[in-house]
Amino acid sequence: MKKILIIDDEVNVAQLLSKFLTRNGFEVSAASSGTSGLEYLKNGEFDLVLCDFRLEDTDGREMLKKIKKHYPQTGVIIITGYSDIKMAVELIKMGAYDYISKPLYPDEILNTITKALETHHALVEEDQEQGEPQGNVKANRKQASSGIVVGTSKASKELARQIELIAPTNYSVIILGESGTGKEEAAKSIHMQSRRSNQPFIAMDCGSLTKELAASEFFGHEKGSFTGAFATKIGHFEMANGGTLFLDEVGNLSYEIQAALLRTVQERKVKRIGSTKEIDLDVRIIIATNENLLDAIQKGRFREDLYHRFNEFTIYMPPLRERGNDIILLAEHFLKTANQELNRNVSSFAPEVVECFMNYRWHGNIREMKNIVRRAALITEGDQISIKALPLEISNYKNAYEMPSIQYHVSESNEAPRNDLKNIALEAEYDTILRVLKEVSYNKTKAAEILNIDRKTLYNKMKAINLK
């Protein structure tokens, strides 16, 4: 069970956070001051600290310095009010993993904590490895912190070579590949192997942005600059200043936002909505897409000049089906992380499972594998994942191209009651969403159109059923 320390002098906030995180499977301690927080750290090991920026006896900056000095393997997330966001961004540059702004929203808190813990454990594992050649330690640390798994196949070795080649430069990069191939992990690896590795890496999902919110998310806004602007907001460009800005599903941006984006990239300056002050930018941009931008240019949906601004170097992410023995390497990696997450001790895959994995087409690539291995680890009662723990689409791998709807084999003790309408509805919804996503190669915009829901609703439903 992962241990989290909350440091906040607002007792009500600390209590609510403690109850929420405890319900979500964490072991939580709470301190009401910086001094007592340091005592907790002195007397026990914690995976993560949630620290309020404004404390009665100190502030977030001093706490971060002390935690990083004395407990370097403990991650730190800063809790901040809107007026302190600029300072929170500076703290990220000093080594904080991220910040959460008040008011606090459960989904945002849980998502940020989950990502922080994944990064933390990857680093700890790398530190604990024995017999590592000295020359590889730095590179392996960067790969671990980015979450990318370097394989042994020809495709994986070429990918690693290209990342190593482009990382030290300031070139903008386009990462191409099917959905689920690990484009964000590749972007993080480029960042971590660059001279910007100690600066922020800010990821932005353009596919979930509405036309109305996009400008504010990119460039920020001043308080009162438009209806609903109740506080000043720092945009993603400003947050990433000095570091790397990763734009995923960039092909979904409106033509108007593309024009504003082009001006910002060309001039290397950003101006918040409602402000007359220009802020100088030093940001490396990495974009990712699963669609053909050249085709989008021909159809008038994407600006050619913006494409050429981004296209200083292109990396292709191979689909999982083209990565040979990496398939089992990745499955073992996800089993290891699932054991940590679920506090299980599943050690291996049965031979027939290995055969299924090697023969299956993996329509959803690495993302699909991660979800399937996690679910299989959850329902496995012994120390080996058997064929019965897999969905039919994989266990019946000879017909995998037909993509039948998902049906999981579970033991009777774990099976939901057949008359439980809520569980039946959730299963049907999961099957339908996954089937449509596969049909459109995980293009969320197209999937939302087919399902007759907006993108935001689709993202929320995917999050609810652990489809990331």
Protein backbone atom coordinates (compact mmCIF):
# COMPACT_ATOMS: atom_id res chain seq x y z
CA MET A 1 0.00 0.00 0.00
CA LYS A 2 1.41 3.38 -1.02
CA LYS A 3 2.02 5.88 1.79
CA ILE A 4 1.08 9.54 1.39
CA LEU A 5 1.78 12.43 3.78
CA ILE A 6 -0.51 15.47 3.70
CA ILE A 7 0.94 18.72 5.09
CA ASP A 8 -1.78 21.37 5.42
CA ASP A 9 -2.67 23.68 8.28
CA GLU A 10 -6.32 23.80 7.19
CA VAL A 11 -7.64 20.91 9.26
CA ASN A 12 -10.84 20.47 7.24
CA VAL A 13 -8.92 20.20 3.97
CA ALA A 14 -6.49 17.69 5.45
CA GLN A 15 -9.31 15.56 6.88
CA LEU A 16 -11.25 15.50 3.61
CA LEU A 17 -8.15 14.62 1.63
CA SER A 18 -7.23 11.87 4.12
CA LYS A 19 -10.67 10.24 3.91
CA PHE A 20 -10.77 10.46 0.12
CA LEU A 21 -7.29 8.97 -0.37
CA THR A 22 -7.87 6.26 2.25
CA ARG A 23 -11.03 5.19 0.39
CA ASN A 24 -8.91 4.92 -2.75
CA GLY A 25 -6.46 2.48 -1.20
CA PHE A 26 -3.67 4.68 0.17
CA GLU A 27 -2.16 4.75 3.65
CA VAL A 28 -2.43 8.40 4.69
CA SER A 29 -0.89 10.52 7.46
CA ALA A 30 -1.61 14.21 7.99
CA ALA A 31 0.49 17.00 9.53
CA SER A 32 -0.78 20.49 10.40
CA SER A 33 2.57 22.30 10.04
CA GLY A 34 5.86 22.12 8.20
CA THR A 35 7.68 21.16 11.39
CA SER A 36 5.38 18.25 12.21
CA GLY A 37 5.50 17.19 8.55
CA LEU A 38 9.27 16.88 8.70
CA GLU A 39 8.93 14.82 11.90
CA TYR A 40 6.62 12.40 10.08
CA LEU A 41 9.21 12.10 7.30
CA LYS A 42 11.98 11.56 9.85
CA ASN A 43 10.13 8.71 11.53
CA GLY A 44 8.75 6.88 8.50
CA GLU A 45 9.08 6.41 4.75
CA PHE A 46 6.54 8.01 2.43
CA ASP A 47 6.07 7.58 -1.30
CA LEU A 48 4.54 11.01 -1.79
CA VAL A 49 3.96 14.31 0.01
CA LEU A 50 1.03 16.64 -0.67
CA CYS A 51 2.20 19.97 0.75
CA ASP A 52 0.18 23.18 0.94
CA PHE A 53 2.21 26.12 -0.35
CA ARG A 54 1.15 28.49 2.46
CA LEU A 55 1.81 27.13 5.95
CA GLU A 56 1.85 29.05 9.22
CA ASP A 57 5.46 28.17 10.08
CA THR A 58 7.00 27.96 6.59
CA ASP A 59 6.14 27.79 2.90
CA GLY A 60 6.21 25.29 0.04
CA ARG A 61 9.56 26.48 -1.28
CA GLU A 62 11.40 25.75 2.00
CA MET A 63 9.58 22.45 2.48
CA LEU A 64 10.50 21.33 -1.03
CA LYS A 65 14.18 22.20 -0.46
CA LYS A 66 14.29 20.19 2.79
CA ILE A 67 12.40 17.19 1.41
CA LYS A 68 14.57 17.03 -1.71
CA LYS A 69 17.74 17.33 0.39
CA HIS A 70 16.95 14.77 3.09
CA TYR A 71 14.36 12.51 1.38
CA PRO A 72 15.22 12.65 -2.35
CA GLN A 73 13.22 9.51 -3.19
CA THR A 74 9.96 11.04 -1.93
CA GLY A 75 7.82 12.77 -4.54
CA VAL A 76 6.26 16.17 -3.79
CA ILE A 77 3.02 17.69 -5.07
CA ILE A 78 2.23 21.30 -4.11
CA ILE A 79 -1.30 22.35 -3.15
CA THR A 80 -1.85 25.98 -4.07
CA GLY A 81 -4.43 28.74 -4.36
CA TYR A 82 -4.87 30.57 -7.67
CA SER A 83 -2.77 33.51 -6.51
CA ASP A 84 0.22 31.18 -5.98
CA ILE A 85 0.14 29.35 -9.33
CA LYS A 86 3.13 31.28 -10.72
CA MET A 87 5.15 30.24 -7.67
CA ALA A 88 3.94 26.64 -8.06
CA VAL A 89 5.30 26.54 -11.60
CA GLU A 90 8.66 27.70 -10.25
CA LEU A 91 8.55 24.93 -7.65
CA ILE A 92 8.07 22.37 -10.42
CA LYS A 93 11.31 23.64 -11.91
CA MET A 94 12.91 23.12 -8.48
CA GLY A 95 11.87 19.46 -8.38
CA ALA A 96 8.21 19.24 -7.36
CA TYR A 97 6.37 16.66 -9.46
CA ASP A 98 3.29 18.85 -10.05
CA TYR A 99 0.84 21.18 -8.35
CA ILE A 100 -2.89 20.98 -7.62
CA SER A 101 -4.81 24.24 -7.42
CA LYS A 102 -7.71 24.96 -5.08
CA PRO A 103 -10.59 24.25 -5.16
CA LEU A 104 -9.60 20.59 -5.15
CA TYR A 105 -11.35 18.17 -7.50
CA PRO A 106 -11.24 14.40 -6.73
CA ASP A 107 -10.53 13.23 -10.31
CA GLU A 108 -7.67 15.72 -10.73
CA ILE A 109 -6.15 14.78 -7.36
CA LEU A 110 -6.29 11.03 -8.03
CA ASN A 111 -4.94 11.37 -11.57
CA THR A 112 -2.01 13.57 -10.48
CA ILE A 113 -1.15 11.28 -7.55
CA THR A 114 -1.28 8.15 -9.73
CA LYS A 115 1.10 9.64 -12.31
CA ALA A 116 3.44 10.92 -9.59
CA LEU A 117 3.63 7.50 -7.94
CA GLU A 118 4.32 5.78 -11.28
CA THR A 119 7.26 8.13 -11.85
CA HIS A 120 8.48 7.73 -8.26
CA HIS A 121 8.50 3.92 -8.35
CA ALA A 122 10.23 3.82 -11.73
CA LEU A 123 13.06 5.90 -10.28
CA VAL A 124 13.28 3.84 -7.08
CA GLU A 125 13.46 0.60 -9.08
CA GLU A 126 16.30 1.99 -11.15
CA ASP A 127 18.19 3.03 -8.01
CA GLN A 128 17.80 -0.44 -6.51
CA GLU A 129 19.09 -2.33 -9.54
CA GLN A 130 22.40 -4.06 -8.85
CA GLY A 131 25.36 -4.56 -11.17
CA GLU A 132 24.40 -1.75 -13.56
CA PRO A 133 27.32 -0.50 -15.68
CA GLN A 134 28.25 2.96 -14.46
CA GLY A 135 28.00 4.52 -17.92
CA ASN A 136 24.34 3.51 -18.29
CA VAL A 137 23.01 4.80 -14.96
CA LYS A 138 22.11 8.30 -16.16
CA ALA A 139 20.44 7.12 -19.35
CA ASN A 140 18.50 4.41 -17.53
CA ARG A 141 17.30 6.90 -14.92
CA LYS A 142 15.92 9.12 -17.66
CA GLN A 143 14.24 6.20 -19.41
CA ALA A 144 12.73 5.03 -16.12
CA SER A 145 11.38 8.44 -15.19
CA SER A 146 9.78 8.80 -18.62
CA GLY A 147 8.02 5.43 -18.32
CA ILE A 148 9.35 4.13 -21.66
CA VAL A 149 10.47 0.50 -21.87
CA VAL A 150 13.38 -0.05 -24.26
CA GLY A 151 12.96 -3.36 -26.10
CA THR A 152 15.29 -5.63 -28.00
CA SER A 153 13.50 -5.76 -31.36
CA LYS A 154 14.89 -4.00 -34.43
CA ALA A 155 12.00 -1.48 -34.34
CA SER A 156 12.61 -0.66 -30.67
CA LYS A 157 16.34 -0.25 -31.12
CA GLU A 158 15.79 2.14 -34.02
CA LEU A 159 13.30 4.12 -31.92
CA ALA A 160 15.81 4.37 -29.05
CA ARG A 161 18.53 5.45 -31.48
CA GLN A 162 16.37 8.24 -32.91
CA ILE A 163 15.39 9.49 -29.44
CA GLU A 164 19.02 9.52 -28.34
CA LEU A 165 19.95 11.39 -31.53
CA ILE A 166 17.32 14.13 -31.32
CA ALA A 167 17.08 14.58 -27.53
CA PRO A 168 20.15 16.87 -27.02
CA THR A 169 18.94 19.33 -29.69
CA ASN A 170 16.21 21.96 -29.49
CA TYR A 171 14.43 20.68 -32.61
CA SER A 172 10.66 20.48 -32.62
CA VAL A 173 9.52 16.88 -33.07
CA ILE A 174 6.48 15.21 -34.60
CA ILE A 175 5.77 11.74 -33.17
CA LEU A 176 3.61 9.63 -35.47
CA GLY A 177 1.93 6.35 -34.66
CA GLU A 178 -1.29 4.53 -33.92
CA SER A 179 -3.15 5.28 -30.70
CA GLY A 180 -1.73 3.47 -27.70
CA THR A 181 1.82 3.07 -29.04
CA GLY A 182 3.37 5.21 -26.28
CA LYS A 183 3.83 8.57 -27.99
CA GLU A 184 3.70 10.54 -24.72
CA GLU A 185 6.27 8.21 -23.13
CA ALA A 186 8.57 8.79 -26.10
CA ALA A 187 8.13 12.56 -25.70
CA LYS A 188 9.02 12.30 -22.00
CA SER A 189 12.09 10.26 -22.89
CA ILE A 190 13.23 12.97 -25.33
CA HIS A 191 12.74 15.58 -22.60
CA MET A 192 14.56 13.56 -19.92
CA GLN A 193 17.56 12.99 -22.18
CA SER A 194 17.79 16.67 -23.12
CA ARG A 195 19.43 19.65 -21.43
CA ARG A 196 15.93 20.66 -20.34
CA SER A 197 15.46 17.59 -18.14
CA ASN A 198 15.45 19.65 -14.93
CA GLN A 199 12.75 21.96 -16.33
CA PRO A 200 8.99 21.23 -16.63
CA PHE A 201 7.51 18.68 -19.01
CA ILE A 202 3.93 19.79 -19.64
CA ALA A 203 1.56 17.49 -21.55
CA MET A 204 -1.59 18.86 -23.16
CA ASP A 205 -4.34 16.71 -24.68
CA CYS A 206 -5.66 18.76 -27.59
CA GLY A 207 -8.32 16.15 -28.34
CA SER A 208 -10.26 17.03 -25.19
CA LEU A 209 -10.24 20.80 -25.76
CA THR A 210 -13.31 22.71 -26.90
CA LYS A 211 -12.80 25.65 -29.25
CA GLU A 212 -13.85 28.04 -26.47
CA LEU A 213 -11.37 26.73 -23.89
CA ALA A 214 -8.37 26.11 -26.13
CA ALA A 215 -7.01 29.69 -26.15
CA SER A 216 -7.23 29.95 -22.35
CA GLU A 217 -5.51 26.57 -21.89
CA PHE A 218 -2.70 27.46 -24.28
CA PHE A 219 -2.09 31.08 -23.39
CA GLY A 220 -3.77 31.66 -20.01
CA HIS A 221 -5.99 34.59 -19.07
CA GLU A 222 -6.27 37.45 -16.61
CA LYS A 223 -8.98 37.67 -13.99
CA GLY A 224 -12.12 39.29 -15.43
CA SER A 225 -10.93 39.09 -19.05
CA PHE A 226 -14.14 37.29 -20.07
CA THR A 227 -17.31 35.90 -18.50
CA GLY A 228 -16.33 33.11 -16.13
CA ALA A 229 -12.70 34.25 -15.72
CA PHE A 230 -12.93 34.46 -11.92
CA ALA A 231 -9.17 34.19 -11.39
CA THR A 232 -5.92 34.55 -13.29
CA LYS A 233 -4.92 31.35 -15.11
CA ILE A 234 -1.41 30.39 -16.22
CA GLY A 235 -1.44 28.84 -19.72
CA HIS A 236 0.43 25.70 -20.74
CA PHE A 237 3.03 27.64 -22.72
CA GLU A 238 3.93 29.70 -19.67
CA MET A 239 3.95 26.63 -17.42
CA ALA A 240 6.36 24.88 -19.79
CA ASN A 241 8.70 27.87 -20.11
CA GLY A 242 12.30 26.63 -20.05
CA GLY A 243 11.17 23.06 -20.61
CA THR A 244 9.09 21.00 -23.05
CA LEU A 245 5.46 21.32 -24.15
CA PHE A 246 3.92 18.10 -25.48
CA LEU A 247 0.78 18.49 -27.61
CA ASP A 248 -1.15 15.26 -28.14
CA GLU A 249 -3.80 14.80 -30.86
CA VAL A 250 -2.81 18.19 -32.31
CA GLY A 251 -4.83 17.51 -35.47
CA ASN A 252 -8.04 18.17 -33.52
CA LEU A 253 -7.27 21.87 -32.97
CA SER A 254 -9.49 24.39 -34.74
CA TYR A 255 -8.05 26.44 -37.60
CA GLU A 256 -8.30 29.63 -35.51
CA ILE A 257 -6.29 28.16 -32.65
CA GLN A 258 -3.73 26.85 -35.13
CA ALA A 259 -3.21 30.44 -36.36
CA ALA A 260 -2.69 31.72 -32.79
CA LEU A 261 -0.38 28.79 -32.09
CA LEU A 262 1.70 29.62 -35.17
CA ARG A 263 2.18 33.23 -34.04
CA THR A 264 3.32 32.09 -30.60
CA VAL A 265 5.77 29.55 -32.01
CA GLN A 266 7.19 32.05 -34.53
CA GLU A 267 7.54 35.01 -32.15
CA ARG A 268 8.51 32.98 -29.08
CA LYS A 269 6.25 35.21 -27.00
CA VAL A 270 2.94 34.61 -25.29
CA LYS A 271 0.31 37.02 -24.04
CA ARG A 272 -2.48 36.00 -21.67
CA ILE A 273 -6.04 36.77 -22.72
CA GLY A 274 -6.91 40.19 -21.33
CA SER A 275 -3.28 41.23 -20.79
CA THR A 276 -1.05 43.64 -22.72
CA LYS A 277 2.17 42.15 -21.35
CA GLU A 278 4.17 39.79 -23.55
CA ILE A 279 6.15 36.99 -21.90
CA ASP A 280 9.31 35.68 -23.57
CA LEU A 281 9.25 31.95 -24.24
CA ASP A 282 11.95 29.29 -24.38
CA VAL A 283 9.91 26.16 -25.00
CA ARG A 284 10.66 23.02 -26.96
CA ILE A 285 7.54 21.67 -28.68
CA ILE A 286 6.83 18.00 -29.32
CA ILE A 287 3.57 17.06 -30.99
CA ALA A 288 1.89 13.70 -31.48
CA THR A 289 -0.81 12.54 -33.85
CA ASN A 290 -2.36 9.30 -35.06
CA GLU A 291 -3.70 10.87 -38.24
CA ASN A 292 -2.03 11.88 -41.50
CA LEU A 293 -1.40 15.62 -41.16
CA LEU A 294 -0.43 15.91 -44.82
CA ASP A 295 -3.86 14.55 -45.71
CA ALA A 296 -5.41 17.03 -43.24
CA ILE A 297 -3.49 19.84 -44.97
CA GLN A 298 -4.89 18.78 -48.36
CA LYS A 299 -8.41 18.84 -46.91
CA GLY A 300 -7.88 22.30 -45.40
CA ARG A 301 -8.12 21.12 -41.78
CA PHE A 302 -4.51 21.77 -40.79
CA ARG A 303 -2.21 24.69 -41.59
CA GLU A 304 0.74 23.78 -43.79
CA ASP A 305 2.94 26.55 -42.32
CA LEU A 306 2.30 25.26 -38.79
CA TYR A 307 3.10 21.72 -39.89
CA HIS A 308 6.48 22.80 -41.24
CA ARG A 309 7.19 24.74 -38.03
CA PHE A 310 6.71 21.53 -36.07
CA ASN A 311 8.32 19.15 -38.56
CA GLU A 312 12.01 19.65 -37.79
CA PHE A 313 12.32 15.94 -36.98
CA THR A 314 9.83 13.06 -37.23
CA ILE A 315 9.74 9.88 -35.15
CA TYR A 316 7.57 6.88 -35.99
CA MET A 317 6.24 4.77 -33.12
CA PRO A 318 5.95 1.14 -34.28
CA PRO A 319 2.73 -0.69 -33.40
CA LEU A 320 3.05 -3.46 -30.84
CA ARG A 321 2.43 -6.18 -33.44
CA GLU A 322 5.69 -5.14 -35.18
CA ARG A 323 7.83 -5.40 -32.05
CA GLY A 324 8.41 -9.17 -31.87
CA ASN A 325 9.76 -10.39 -28.53
CA ASP A 326 9.18 -6.94 -27.03
CA ILE A 327 5.57 -8.05 -26.59
CA ILE A 328 6.51 -10.41 -23.74
CA LEU A 329 9.05 -7.93 -22.35
CA LEU A 330 6.32 -5.29 -22.10
CA ALA A 331 3.81 -7.77 -20.65
CA GLU A 332 6.28 -8.66 -17.89
CA HIS A 333 6.88 -4.97 -17.21
CA PHE A 334 3.14 -4.28 -16.87
CA LEU A 335 2.72 -7.36 -14.65
CA LYS A 336 5.43 -6.02 -12.35
CA THR A 337 3.75 -2.59 -12.09
CA ALA A 338 0.31 -4.24 -11.62
CA ASN A 339 1.69 -6.29 -8.70
CA GLN A 340 2.90 -3.08 -7.06
CA GLU A 341 -0.35 -1.25 -7.70
CA LEU A 342 -2.63 -4.06 -6.55
CA ASN A 343 -0.34 -5.47 -3.84
CA ARG A 344 -0.35 -8.85 -5.61
CA ASN A 345 2.38 -11.44 -6.20
CA VAL A 346 1.64 -12.87 -9.65
CA SER A 347 4.99 -14.03 -11.00
CA SER A 348 4.50 -15.18 -14.60
CA PHE A 349 2.32 -16.01 -17.60
CA ALA A 350 1.31 -19.54 -18.54
CA PRO A 351 2.90 -20.81 -21.82
CA GLU A 352 -0.45 -20.67 -23.64
CA VAL A 353 -0.85 -17.01 -22.56
CA VAL A 354 2.57 -16.20 -24.02
CA GLU A 355 1.51 -17.85 -27.26
CA CYS A 356 -1.74 -15.85 -27.34
CA PHE A 357 0.10 -12.60 -26.72
CA MET A 358 2.54 -13.30 -29.55
CA ASN A 359 -0.24 -14.14 -32.02
CA TYR A 360 -2.76 -11.43 -31.12
CA ARG A 361 -2.87 -8.32 -33.31
CA TRP A 362 -3.03 -5.79 -30.41
CA HIS A 363 -5.40 -3.30 -32.00
CA GLY A 364 -4.98 -0.92 -29.05
CA ASN A 365 -1.21 -1.44 -28.83
CA ILE A 366 0.63 -0.85 -25.53
CA ARG A 367 -2.38 0.82 -23.91
CA GLU A 368 -4.53 -2.24 -24.56
CA MET A 369 -1.84 -4.60 -23.24
CA LYS A 370 -1.42 -2.59 -20.04
CA ASN A 371 -5.16 -2.69 -19.29
CA ILE A 372 -5.46 -6.41 -20.05
CA VAL A 373 -2.45 -7.39 -17.93
CA ARG A 374 -3.72 -5.25 -15.00
CA ARG A 375 -7.16 -6.86 -15.16
CA ALA A 376 -5.69 -10.36 -15.50
CA ALA A 377 -3.44 -9.77 -12.47
CA LEU A 378 -6.44 -8.57 -10.48
CA ILE A 379 -8.57 -11.68 -11.06
CA THR A 380 -5.72 -14.24 -10.90
CA GLU A 381 -5.81 -16.19 -7.63
CA GLY A 382 -2.51 -18.05 -7.97
CA ASP A 383 0.97 -16.95 -8.95
CA GLN A 384 0.57 -17.47 -12.72
CA ILE A 385 -1.81 -15.81 -15.17
CA SER A 386 -3.74 -18.53 -17.02
CA ILE A 387 -5.71 -18.43 -20.27
CA LYS A 388 -8.94 -18.12 -18.28
CA ALA A 389 -7.91 -14.69 -17.01
CA LEU A 390 -7.84 -13.26 -20.55
CA PRO A 391 -10.71 -11.82 -22.60
CA LEU A 392 -12.05 -13.97 -25.44
CA GLU A 393 -10.57 -11.70 -28.09
CA ILE A 394 -7.10 -12.82 -26.97
CA SER A 395 -7.71 -16.36 -25.70
CA ASN A 396 -9.46 -17.04 -29.02
CA TYR A 397 -6.54 -15.44 -30.84
CA LYS A 398 -7.07 -17.28 -34.13
CA ASN A 399 -10.17 -15.12 -34.63
CA ALA A 400 -8.62 -11.97 -33.17
CA TYR A 401 -9.11 -10.03 -36.40
CA GLU A 402 -12.87 -10.32 -35.95
CA MET A 403 -12.60 -8.29 -32.74
CA PRO A 404 -15.44 -9.85 -30.70
CA SER A 405 -16.76 -7.80 -27.83
CA ILE A 406 -14.87 -8.24 -24.55
CA GLN A 407 -16.01 -10.95 -22.15
CA TYR A 408 -13.78 -11.71 -19.21
CA HIS A 409 -13.51 -15.17 -17.68
CA VAL A 410 -13.63 -14.79 -13.91
CA SER A 411 -14.05 -17.23 -11.09
CA GLU A 412 -17.53 -17.58 -9.62
CA SER A 413 -16.40 -15.83 -6.44
CA ASN A 414 -15.49 -12.72 -8.39
CA GLU A 415 -18.35 -12.76 -10.87
CA ALA A 416 -20.93 -9.96 -10.59
CA PRO A 417 -24.51 -11.13 -9.90
CA ARG A 418 -26.30 -11.89 -13.18
CA ASN A 419 -29.29 -9.78 -12.11
CA ASP A 420 -27.22 -6.75 -11.11
CA LEU A 421 -28.43 -4.23 -13.71
CA LYS A 422 -25.74 -1.70 -12.83
CA ASN A 423 -22.91 -4.15 -13.52
CA ILE A 424 -24.60 -5.46 -16.66
CA ALA A 425 -24.96 -1.90 -17.97
CA LEU A 426 -21.34 -1.07 -17.18
CA GLU A 427 -20.15 -4.22 -18.99
CA ALA A 428 -22.23 -3.36 -22.05
CA GLU A 429 -20.93 0.22 -22.02
CA TYR A 430 -17.33 -0.98 -21.72
CA ASP A 431 -17.78 -3.42 -24.60
CA THR A 432 -19.34 -0.79 -26.85
CA ILE A 433 -16.75 1.90 -26.13
CA LEU A 434 -13.83 -0.48 -26.64
CA ARG A 435 -15.31 -1.90 -29.86
CA VAL A 436 -15.86 1.56 -31.37
CA LEU A 437 -12.40 2.76 -30.31
CA LYS A 438 -10.81 -0.22 -32.03
CA GLU A 439 -12.86 0.31 -35.19
CA VAL A 440 -11.51 3.87 -35.51
CA SER A 441 -7.94 3.02 -34.41
CA TYR A 442 -8.50 4.79 -31.06
CA ASN A 443 -9.27 8.17 -32.65
CA LYS A 444 -11.31 9.61 -29.80
CA THR A 445 -12.92 12.37 -31.88
CA LYS A 446 -14.31 9.85 -34.38
CA ALA A 447 -15.32 7.48 -31.58
CA ALA A 448 -17.28 10.25 -29.83
CA GLU A 449 -19.12 11.03 -33.08
CA ILE A 450 -20.06 7.38 -33.62
CA LEU A 451 -21.17 6.99 -29.98
CA ASN A 452 -23.16 10.25 -30.28
CA ILE A 453 -21.51 11.86 -27.24
CA ASP A 454 -19.08 14.76 -26.90
CA ARG A 455 -15.32 14.18 -26.44
CA LYS A 456 -15.37 15.25 -22.80
CA THR A 457 -18.05 12.67 -21.96
CA LEU A 458 -16.06 9.99 -23.77
CA TYR A 459 -12.88 10.90 -21.84
CA ASN A 460 -14.78 10.74 -18.53
CA LYS A 461 -16.25 7.33 -19.37
CA MET A 462 -12.85 6.00 -20.47
CA LYS A 463 -11.32 7.19 -17.21
CA ALA A 464 -14.14 5.57 -15.20
CA ILE A 465 -13.47 2.16 -16.75
CA ASN A 466 -9.66 2.52 -16.74
CA LEU A 467 -9.34 2.95 -20.50
CA LYS A 468 -6.49 5.48 -20.72
